[in-house]
Amino acid sequence: MAATAAALIVAAGRGTRLSDPGHPQPKQYRRIAGLPVLSHTLNALGNHPRITHLLTVIHSDDRDLFEEAVSMTHSLASAKLAAPVPGGRTRQQSVHEGLKALASSGCDYVLIHDAARPFVSTGVIDRLLQKLERGAEGALAAVQVVDTLKKQTDTGMPLETIDRTGLWAAQTPQGFPLARITAAHARAAEAGKTDFTDDTGLAEWDGMTILLSEGDPANFKITTSADLARAEQQARHFSMQDTRAPHRPLADLADIRTGIGYDVHAFDDGDAVILGGVSIPHSRKLKGHSDADVVLHAITDATLGAIGDGDIGQHFPPSDPQWKGASSDRFQQDAMRRLAELGGRIAHIDVTVVCEEPKIGPHRDRIRTSIAAICAMPLSRVSVKATTSEKLGFTGRKEGIAALASVTVRLPLDATE
């Protein structure tokens, strides 16, 4: 049986170097491409099939911000997410609290990651896990230093050039056997050693040998306002869906295709309809084998159509009992997986909902936000519109709801050749 891994996300910091009176929340809750930084980070880690548990250490004052970020995280990640753990006074103490909470997870390894690094790729994660599976006591994602380094011992003193040979800039995740690093943290706490700024430093103090693992320059930590601006640009110009490979710039995805999807469901007895992953109170529900989310069904068919890979009924037949009552975001996640296997990403989604009731306008922003989270894409690339059929046809008679979706995808030129 393959070893499993947990991801421990450190999100208890205050981020004082990114202070902004207009945005008082810590940096991990600031938004890039319409979503909190933490949502991007959880999505990136939660997409990895070997990561079976996600646990976040948060500040006790940030529970509402955390819950908001989770609500905007797609289901593949949120399904792996455990209840948050309150952090300690220092990063080291926060990590220790998280490790203790993971003791019952049954995972073999743990990847400790900064919440403010939202661009970690699956390639980085794969390489760390490979090191651990080959017997490493610890593995550190890092990038080789390429800039010339200068040192000034005191103001006004001459500069010294530092030999950069063999120098690496540490990143996260930092990976360890879960039991081993937990014991090391316990020993450090007992010894009163509380000044470690990262976990490999603590591990080295405890006698562990740490191996370097190739990181990714895109996996930078948001620390300053300039970093936040860079992250906004990177989130919009790099794929946040395909975490199995380093993020690809749009210029590499020159094959642009559009798929069209259409779906309809009749009303049935109930008290809410689900549209785009959002439950909307209503006097009736939509009838269907799954949760009858007509919006996500149309988006899924449009996504599959854009890559020429059948339709939702082919991959998730209503005759199969396992899909009875299933959440429809699972269908769209599968369509995105198929797209990602071709090296592609979704560039834009446009949905039109056709119904007399319920009114869509008051819920439009929530639906857009939900779709963006499910598809791990910027909110600005999701459009939701609504119209009536002027009381004509089945929608005009209030017998059901229809949805039309257009999904634009970008693929490498050789994706299907």
Protein backbone atom coordinates (compact mmCIF):
# COMPACT_ATOMS: atom_id res chain seq x y z
CA MET A 1 0.00 0.00 0.00
CA ALA A 2 1.42 3.39 -1.02
CA ALA A 3 2.48 5.66 1.79
CA THR A 4 0.22 8.63 2.45
CA ALA A 5 1.03 12.20 3.37
CA ALA A 6 -0.58 14.99 5.32
CA ALA A 7 -0.06 18.66 4.58
CA LEU A 8 0.30 20.98 7.57
CA ILE A 9 -0.38 24.57 6.55
CA VAL A 10 1.00 27.26 8.86
CA ALA A 11 -1.43 30.19 8.79
CA ALA A 12 -1.24 31.67 12.29
CA GLY A 13 1.06 34.61 11.46
CA ARG A 14 0.12 38.26 11.45
CA GLY A 15 2.07 39.32 8.35
CA THR A 16 3.13 42.71 9.74
CA ARG A 17 5.37 43.49 6.73
CA LEU A 18 2.23 43.57 4.58
CA SER A 19 0.30 46.00 6.75
CA ASP A 20 -2.35 48.05 4.94
CA PRO A 21 -4.96 50.17 6.79
CA GLY A 22 -7.43 49.42 3.99
CA HIS A 23 -6.88 45.64 4.32
CA PRO A 24 -6.22 44.82 7.97
CA GLN A 25 -6.51 41.04 7.56
CA PRO A 26 -3.31 38.95 7.59
CA LYS A 27 -1.68 38.23 4.22
CA GLN A 28 -2.94 34.65 4.04
CA TYR A 29 -6.47 36.04 3.82
CA ARG A 30 -5.75 38.83 1.34
CA ARG A 31 -7.21 38.10 -2.09
CA ILE A 32 -5.45 37.31 -5.34
CA ALA A 33 -7.48 36.64 -8.49
CA GLY A 34 -10.66 36.89 -6.43
CA LEU A 35 -9.83 34.24 -3.82
CA PRO A 36 -8.03 34.39 -0.46
CA VAL A 37 -4.38 33.37 -0.65
CA LEU A 38 -5.14 30.50 1.73
CA SER A 39 -7.82 29.17 -0.65
CA HIS A 40 -5.26 28.96 -3.45
CA THR A 41 -2.81 27.19 -1.13
CA LEU A 42 -5.37 24.64 0.04
CA ASN A 43 -6.43 23.98 -3.55
CA ALA A 44 -2.84 23.44 -4.68
CA LEU A 45 -2.10 20.95 -1.88
CA GLY A 46 -5.51 19.31 -1.89
CA ASN A 47 -5.29 18.51 -5.61
CA HIS A 48 -2.40 16.13 -5.00
CA PRO A 49 -3.62 12.51 -4.86
CA ARG A 50 -1.01 11.43 -2.30
CA ILE A 51 -2.05 14.10 0.19
CA THR A 52 -4.95 12.62 2.12
CA HIS A 53 -5.15 15.08 5.04
CA LEU A 54 -5.00 18.86 5.20
CA LEU A 55 -4.63 20.56 8.56
CA THR A 56 -4.31 24.31 9.07
CA VAL A 57 -2.87 26.07 12.10
CA ILE A 58 -4.58 29.44 12.49
CA HIS A 59 -4.60 32.39 14.87
CA SER A 60 -7.46 32.25 17.36
CA ASP A 61 -8.77 35.59 16.07
CA ASP A 62 -9.00 34.39 12.46
CA ARG A 63 -11.69 31.71 12.65
CA ASP A 64 -14.21 33.67 10.56
CA LEU A 65 -11.58 34.51 7.94
CA PHE A 66 -10.54 30.87 7.83
CA GLU A 67 -14.12 29.66 7.36
CA GLU A 68 -14.60 32.16 4.54
CA ALA A 69 -11.44 30.90 2.82
CA VAL A 70 -12.59 27.30 3.19
CA SER A 71 -16.00 28.17 1.69
CA MET A 72 -14.14 29.32 -1.44
CA THR A 73 -11.96 26.21 -1.63
CA HIS A 74 -13.00 23.52 -4.09
CA SER A 75 -14.43 20.27 -2.81
CA LEU A 76 -11.43 18.09 -3.68
CA ALA A 77 -9.41 20.01 -1.10
CA SER A 78 -12.10 20.75 1.46
CA ALA A 79 -12.99 17.05 1.65
CA LYS A 80 -9.48 16.40 3.02
CA LEU A 81 -9.54 19.31 5.44
CA ALA A 82 -9.55 18.72 9.19
CA ALA A 83 -10.73 21.23 11.79
CA PRO A 84 -8.19 24.03 12.29
CA VAL A 85 -5.82 24.07 15.24
CA PRO A 86 -5.02 27.27 17.21
CA GLY A 87 -1.40 28.31 16.78
CA GLY A 88 1.19 29.17 19.40
CA ARG A 89 3.27 32.25 20.13
CA THR A 90 5.92 31.33 17.56
CA ARG A 91 5.93 29.49 14.26
CA GLN A 92 7.75 26.58 15.92
CA GLN A 93 5.04 26.27 18.57
CA SER A 94 2.31 26.50 15.92
CA VAL A 95 3.86 23.68 13.90
CA HIS A 96 4.19 21.55 17.05
CA GLU A 97 0.48 22.00 17.81
CA GLY A 98 -0.38 20.97 14.27
CA LEU A 99 1.86 17.90 14.39
CA LYS A 100 0.24 16.73 17.61
CA ALA A 101 -3.19 17.10 15.99
CA LEU A 102 -2.02 14.96 13.03
CA ALA A 103 -0.87 12.10 15.27
CA SER A 104 -4.11 10.20 14.74
CA SER A 105 -4.24 10.77 10.96
CA GLY A 106 -2.41 7.54 10.16
CA CYS A 107 -0.25 9.33 7.58
CA ASP A 108 3.34 8.27 7.00
CA TYR A 109 4.70 11.66 6.00
CA VAL A 110 3.95 15.29 6.64
CA LEU A 111 4.66 18.25 4.37
CA ILE A 112 4.89 21.49 6.36
CA HIS A 113 3.99 24.47 4.21
CA ASP A 114 3.58 28.23 4.56
CA ALA A 115 0.05 29.45 3.85
CA ALA A 116 1.52 32.44 2.01
CA ARG A 117 3.06 30.23 -0.72
CA PRO A 118 0.01 29.61 -2.93
CA PHE A 119 1.88 28.49 -6.06
CA VAL A 120 3.32 25.15 -4.96
CA SER A 121 3.14 22.67 -7.84
CA THR A 122 2.64 18.94 -7.79
CA GLY A 123 6.09 18.56 -9.29
CA VAL A 124 7.58 20.05 -6.12
CA ILE A 125 5.41 17.78 -3.95
CA ASP A 126 6.25 14.68 -6.00
CA ARG A 127 9.98 15.25 -5.65
CA LEU A 128 9.74 15.70 -1.87
CA LEU A 129 7.74 12.50 -1.47
CA GLN A 130 10.21 10.59 -3.64
CA LYS A 131 13.06 11.64 -1.33
CA LEU A 132 11.12 10.48 1.73
CA GLU A 133 10.16 7.17 0.14
CA ARG A 134 13.83 6.51 -0.57
CA GLY A 135 14.59 6.79 3.13
CA ALA A 136 15.37 10.48 3.67
CA GLU A 137 14.86 11.71 7.23
CA GLY A 138 13.82 15.06 5.83
CA ALA A 139 13.59 16.85 2.50
CA LEU A 140 13.68 20.57 1.79
CA ALA A 141 12.27 22.23 -1.33
CA ALA A 142 14.83 24.82 -2.40
CA VAL A 143 16.08 26.76 -5.40
CA GLN A 144 19.72 27.39 -6.18
CA VAL A 145 20.92 30.93 -5.57
CA VAL A 146 21.71 32.57 -8.92
CA ASP A 147 22.10 36.23 -7.92
CA THR A 148 25.41 37.65 -6.81
CA LEU A 149 25.40 38.02 -3.03
CA LYS A 150 26.87 40.98 -1.17
CA LYS A 151 27.48 41.38 2.55
CA GLN A 152 27.87 44.60 4.51
CA THR A 153 29.09 44.17 8.07
CA ASP A 154 28.23 47.73 9.09
CA THR A 155 26.78 50.90 7.58
CA GLY A 156 29.38 52.68 5.49
CA MET A 157 31.75 49.70 5.43
CA PRO A 158 32.93 48.20 2.12
CA LEU A 159 30.82 45.40 0.62
CA GLU A 160 32.02 41.83 0.55
CA THR A 161 31.12 39.40 -2.24
CA ILE A 162 29.82 36.07 -0.98
CA ASP A 163 30.65 32.91 -2.92
CA ARG A 164 27.26 31.55 -3.95
CA THR A 165 28.59 28.11 -4.86
CA GLY A 166 26.46 25.51 -3.11
CA LEU A 167 23.98 28.06 -1.77
CA TRP A 168 20.27 27.33 -1.93
CA ALA A 169 17.24 29.40 -0.96
CA ALA A 170 14.91 27.39 1.26
CA GLN A 171 11.22 27.10 0.43
CA THR A 172 8.33 25.09 1.76
CA PRO A 173 7.01 22.42 1.78
CA GLN A 174 9.52 20.74 4.03
CA GLY A 175 8.84 17.01 4.25
CA PHE A 176 9.46 14.49 7.02
CA PRO A 177 8.29 11.15 8.36
CA LEU A 178 5.42 12.30 10.56
CA ALA A 179 6.41 10.44 13.73
CA ARG A 180 10.07 11.46 13.45
CA ILE A 181 9.51 15.22 13.12
CA THR A 182 6.81 15.16 15.82
CA ALA A 183 9.27 13.57 18.24
CA ALA A 184 11.95 16.11 17.27
CA HIS A 185 9.58 18.99 18.02
CA ALA A 186 8.72 17.47 21.38
CA ARG A 187 12.41 17.18 22.28
CA ALA A 188 13.07 20.78 21.24
CA ALA A 189 10.19 21.99 23.40
CA GLU A 190 11.43 19.99 26.38
CA ALA A 191 14.92 21.43 25.91
CA GLY A 192 13.58 24.98 25.82
CA LYS A 193 14.77 25.45 22.23
CA THR A 194 12.17 27.83 20.81
CA ASP A 195 14.12 29.93 18.31
CA PHE A 196 13.97 27.76 15.18
CA THR A 197 12.54 29.67 12.21
CA ASP A 198 12.02 26.61 10.04
CA ASP A 199 11.56 22.91 10.59
CA THR A 200 14.70 21.70 8.84
CA GLY A 201 16.75 23.77 11.31
CA LEU A 202 15.01 22.04 14.20
CA ALA A 203 15.43 18.66 12.52
CA GLU A 204 19.15 19.24 12.03
CA TRP A 205 19.47 20.18 15.73
CA ASP A 206 17.84 16.82 16.53
CA GLY A 207 20.40 14.96 14.44
CA MET A 208 18.36 14.41 11.31
CA THR A 209 19.98 14.54 7.87
CA ILE A 210 18.07 16.78 5.45
CA LEU A 211 18.26 16.35 1.68
CA LEU A 212 17.69 19.08 -0.88
CA SER A 213 14.80 18.68 -3.29
CA GLU A 214 14.31 20.82 -6.37
CA GLY A 215 11.88 23.65 -5.68
CA ASP A 216 10.27 26.10 -8.08
CA PRO A 217 10.93 29.84 -8.48
CA ALA A 218 7.17 30.32 -8.89
CA ASN A 219 6.69 28.95 -5.36
CA PHE A 220 7.58 32.24 -3.69
CA LYS A 221 6.35 33.50 -0.33
CA ILE A 222 4.09 36.55 -0.19
CA THR A 223 5.71 38.89 2.30
CA THR A 224 5.49 42.47 0.98
CA SER A 225 3.05 44.56 -1.04
CA ALA A 226 5.25 43.99 -4.09
CA ASP A 227 4.94 40.22 -3.54
CA LEU A 228 1.16 40.55 -3.39
CA ALA A 229 1.11 42.40 -6.71
CA ARG A 230 3.35 39.73 -8.23
CA ALA A 231 1.05 37.01 -6.88
CA GLU A 232 -1.99 38.71 -8.41
CA GLN A 233 -0.31 38.75 -11.79
CA GLN A 234 0.96 35.19 -11.47
CA ALA A 235 -2.44 33.87 -10.42
CA ARG A 236 -4.02 35.39 -13.51
CA HIS A 237 -1.36 34.31 -15.99
CA PHE A 238 -0.47 30.84 -14.73
CA SER A 239 -2.71 27.83 -14.45
CA MET A 240 -3.93 27.25 -10.92
CA GLN A 241 -5.66 24.01 -11.92
CA ASP A 242 -2.88 21.75 -13.10
CA THR A 243 -0.79 21.14 -10.00
CA ARG A 244 0.75 17.99 -11.45
CA ALA A 245 3.28 20.07 -13.35
CA PRO A 246 4.91 23.48 -12.95
CA HIS A 247 2.52 26.30 -13.83
CA ARG A 248 2.51 26.98 -17.57
CA PRO A 249 2.31 30.50 -18.97
CA LEU A 250 -0.61 31.31 -21.26
CA ALA A 251 1.80 31.80 -24.17
CA ASP A 252 2.44 28.03 -24.10
CA LEU A 253 -1.30 27.27 -24.36
CA ALA A 254 -1.96 28.52 -27.88
CA ASP A 255 -4.70 26.03 -28.84
CA ILE A 256 -7.91 27.83 -27.83
CA ARG A 257 -11.20 25.89 -27.93
CA THR A 258 -14.77 26.49 -26.82
CA GLY A 259 -17.34 23.96 -25.64
CA ILE A 260 -21.11 24.44 -25.29
CA GLY A 261 -23.21 22.77 -22.61
CA TYR A 262 -26.95 22.64 -22.02
CA ASP A 263 -28.95 21.02 -19.25
CA VAL A 264 -32.45 21.10 -17.82
CA HIS A 265 -34.08 19.71 -14.70
CA ALA A 266 -37.70 19.68 -13.64
CA PHE A 267 -38.95 20.88 -10.29
CA ASP A 268 -39.89 18.42 -7.57
CA ASP A 269 -41.09 18.68 -3.98
CA GLY A 270 -38.43 20.29 -1.81
CA ASP A 271 -37.23 23.47 -0.16
CA ALA A 272 -34.09 24.54 -2.08
CA VAL A 273 -32.42 24.38 -5.48
CA ILE A 274 -28.67 23.93 -5.98
CA LEU A 275 -27.15 26.12 -8.68
CA GLY A 276 -23.41 26.33 -9.26
CA GLY A 277 -22.76 24.59 -5.96
CA VAL A 278 -24.90 27.10 -4.02
CA SER A 279 -28.06 26.07 -2.17
CA ILE A 280 -30.82 28.64 -2.77
CA PRO A 281 -33.95 28.47 -0.60
CA HIS A 282 -37.06 27.88 -2.70
CA SER A 283 -40.48 26.30 -2.47
CA ARG A 284 -39.25 23.38 -4.62
CA LYS A 285 -36.06 21.55 -5.53
CA LEU A 286 -34.74 20.24 -8.82
CA LYS A 287 -35.30 16.59 -9.68
CA GLY A 288 -32.34 14.45 -10.71
CA HIS A 289 -30.25 11.38 -9.94
CA SER A 290 -27.44 13.50 -8.47
CA ASP A 291 -28.04 16.84 -6.73
CA ALA A 292 -29.55 18.10 -10.04
CA ASP A 293 -27.26 21.14 -10.20
CA VAL A 294 -28.27 22.25 -13.68
CA VAL A 295 -25.56 24.95 -13.81
CA LEU A 296 -22.62 22.65 -13.01
CA HIS A 297 -23.99 19.98 -15.34
CA ALA A 298 -23.99 22.46 -18.21
CA ILE A 299 -20.46 23.62 -17.32
CA THR A 300 -19.21 20.02 -17.16
CA ASP A 301 -20.66 19.19 -20.58
CA ALA A 302 -19.13 22.36 -22.00
CA THR A 303 -15.72 21.50 -20.53
CA LEU A 304 -15.87 17.96 -21.91
CA GLY A 305 -17.06 19.30 -25.27
CA ALA A 306 -14.10 21.65 -25.53
CA ILE A 307 -11.67 18.71 -25.30
CA GLY A 308 -13.82 16.26 -27.30
CA ASP A 309 -14.22 13.81 -24.43
CA GLY A 310 -17.85 12.72 -24.41
CA ASP A 311 -20.44 14.13 -22.04
CA ILE A 312 -21.52 13.94 -18.42
CA GLY A 313 -23.92 11.05 -19.06
CA GLN A 314 -21.15 8.95 -20.59
CA HIS A 315 -18.78 9.37 -17.64
CA PHE A 316 -21.40 9.48 -14.86
CA PRO A 317 -24.44 7.51 -16.10
CA PRO A 318 -27.62 8.02 -14.04
CA SER A 319 -28.07 4.25 -14.07
CA ASP A 320 -25.05 3.94 -11.76
CA PRO A 321 -26.23 4.02 -8.12
CA GLN A 322 -22.94 5.47 -6.85
CA TRP A 323 -23.92 8.87 -8.30
CA LYS A 324 -27.31 9.00 -6.59
CA GLY A 325 -27.43 12.29 -4.70
CA ALA A 326 -23.80 13.07 -5.61
CA SER A 327 -22.52 16.62 -5.40
CA SER A 328 -22.11 17.86 -8.97
CA ASP A 329 -18.79 19.57 -8.33
CA ARG A 330 -17.33 16.05 -8.48
CA PHE A 331 -18.34 15.86 -12.15
CA GLN A 332 -16.68 19.16 -12.99
CA GLN A 333 -13.56 18.16 -11.03
CA ASP A 334 -13.31 15.06 -13.20
CA ALA A 335 -13.70 17.11 -16.37
CA MET A 336 -10.93 19.42 -15.13
CA ARG A 337 -8.74 16.40 -14.42
CA ARG A 338 -9.17 15.27 -18.02
CA LEU A 339 -8.32 18.76 -19.23
CA ALA A 340 -5.26 18.93 -16.96
CA GLU A 341 -3.99 15.59 -18.27
CA LEU A 342 -3.81 17.27 -21.67
CA GLY A 343 -1.81 20.11 -20.13
CA GLY A 344 -4.67 22.59 -20.46
CA ARG A 345 -6.65 25.00 -18.31
CA ILE A 346 -9.98 26.76 -18.33
CA ALA A 347 -9.70 30.36 -19.52
CA HIS A 348 -13.32 31.51 -19.13
CA ILE A 349 -16.79 30.29 -18.14
CA ASP A 350 -20.04 31.96 -19.18
CA VAL A 351 -23.36 30.61 -17.88
CA THR A 352 -26.93 31.68 -18.55
CA VAL A 353 -29.66 30.42 -16.22
CA VAL A 354 -33.19 30.33 -17.68
CA CYS A 355 -36.04 30.33 -15.18
CA GLU A 356 -38.98 32.32 -13.85
CA GLU A 357 -38.06 31.50 -10.28
CA PRO A 358 -36.16 31.65 -8.02
CA LYS A 359 -34.64 35.06 -8.70
CA ILE A 360 -30.97 34.60 -9.54
CA GLY A 361 -29.80 38.20 -9.11
CA PRO A 362 -29.52 38.18 -5.30
CA HIS A 363 -27.41 34.99 -5.47
CA ARG A 364 -25.31 35.77 -8.56
CA ASP A 365 -22.11 36.71 -6.71
CA ARG A 366 -22.27 33.61 -4.50
CA ILE A 367 -22.75 31.39 -7.54
CA ARG A 368 -19.82 33.04 -9.38
CA THR A 369 -17.62 32.67 -6.32
CA SER A 370 -18.58 29.01 -5.92
CA ILE A 371 -17.86 28.19 -9.56
CA ALA A 372 -14.51 30.01 -9.38
CA ALA A 373 -13.57 28.01 -6.28
CA ILE A 374 -14.65 24.68 -7.80
CA CYS A 375 -12.65 25.40 -10.95
CA ALA A 376 -9.70 27.00 -9.09
CA MET A 377 -9.77 30.05 -11.32
CA PRO A 378 -10.02 33.82 -10.92
CA LEU A 379 -13.48 35.20 -10.19
CA SER A 380 -13.04 37.66 -13.07
CA ARG A 381 -13.08 34.72 -15.50
CA VAL A 382 -16.53 33.50 -14.45
CA SER A 383 -19.74 35.06 -15.75
CA VAL A 384 -23.24 34.17 -14.55
CA LYS A 385 -26.31 35.67 -16.19
CA ALA A 386 -30.02 34.98 -15.81
CA THR A 387 -33.05 35.45 -18.00
CA THR A 388 -36.65 34.33 -18.24
CA SER A 389 -38.37 32.80 -21.27
CA GLU A 390 -41.14 35.42 -21.17
CA LYS A 391 -43.50 32.81 -19.67
CA LEU A 392 -43.13 30.58 -22.73
CA GLY A 393 -42.35 26.88 -22.65
CA PHE A 394 -41.61 24.68 -19.62
CA THR A 395 -39.48 27.31 -17.88
CA GLY A 396 -42.17 29.91 -18.51
CA ARG A 397 -44.70 27.60 -16.91
CA LYS A 398 -42.36 27.29 -13.88
CA GLU A 399 -41.88 23.58 -14.45
CA GLY A 400 -38.11 23.62 -14.21
CA ILE A 401 -34.80 25.39 -14.84
CA ALA A 402 -32.49 25.32 -17.84
CA ALA A 403 -28.86 26.39 -18.08
CA LEU A 404 -26.54 27.07 -20.99
CA ALA A 405 -22.77 27.23 -20.55
CA SER A 406 -19.87 28.23 -22.72
CA VAL A 407 -16.40 27.14 -21.54
CA THR A 408 -13.22 28.35 -23.21
CA VAL A 409 -10.11 26.24 -22.65
CA ARG A 410 -6.46 26.70 -23.57
CA LEU A 411 -4.30 23.73 -24.50
CA PRO A 412 -0.76 23.14 -25.75
CA LEU A 413 -0.70 22.91 -29.54
CA ASP A 414 0.26 19.23 -29.39
CA ALA A 415 -2.21 18.24 -26.63
CA THR A 416 -4.28 15.80 -28.68
CA GLU A 417 -2.08 15.12 -31.69
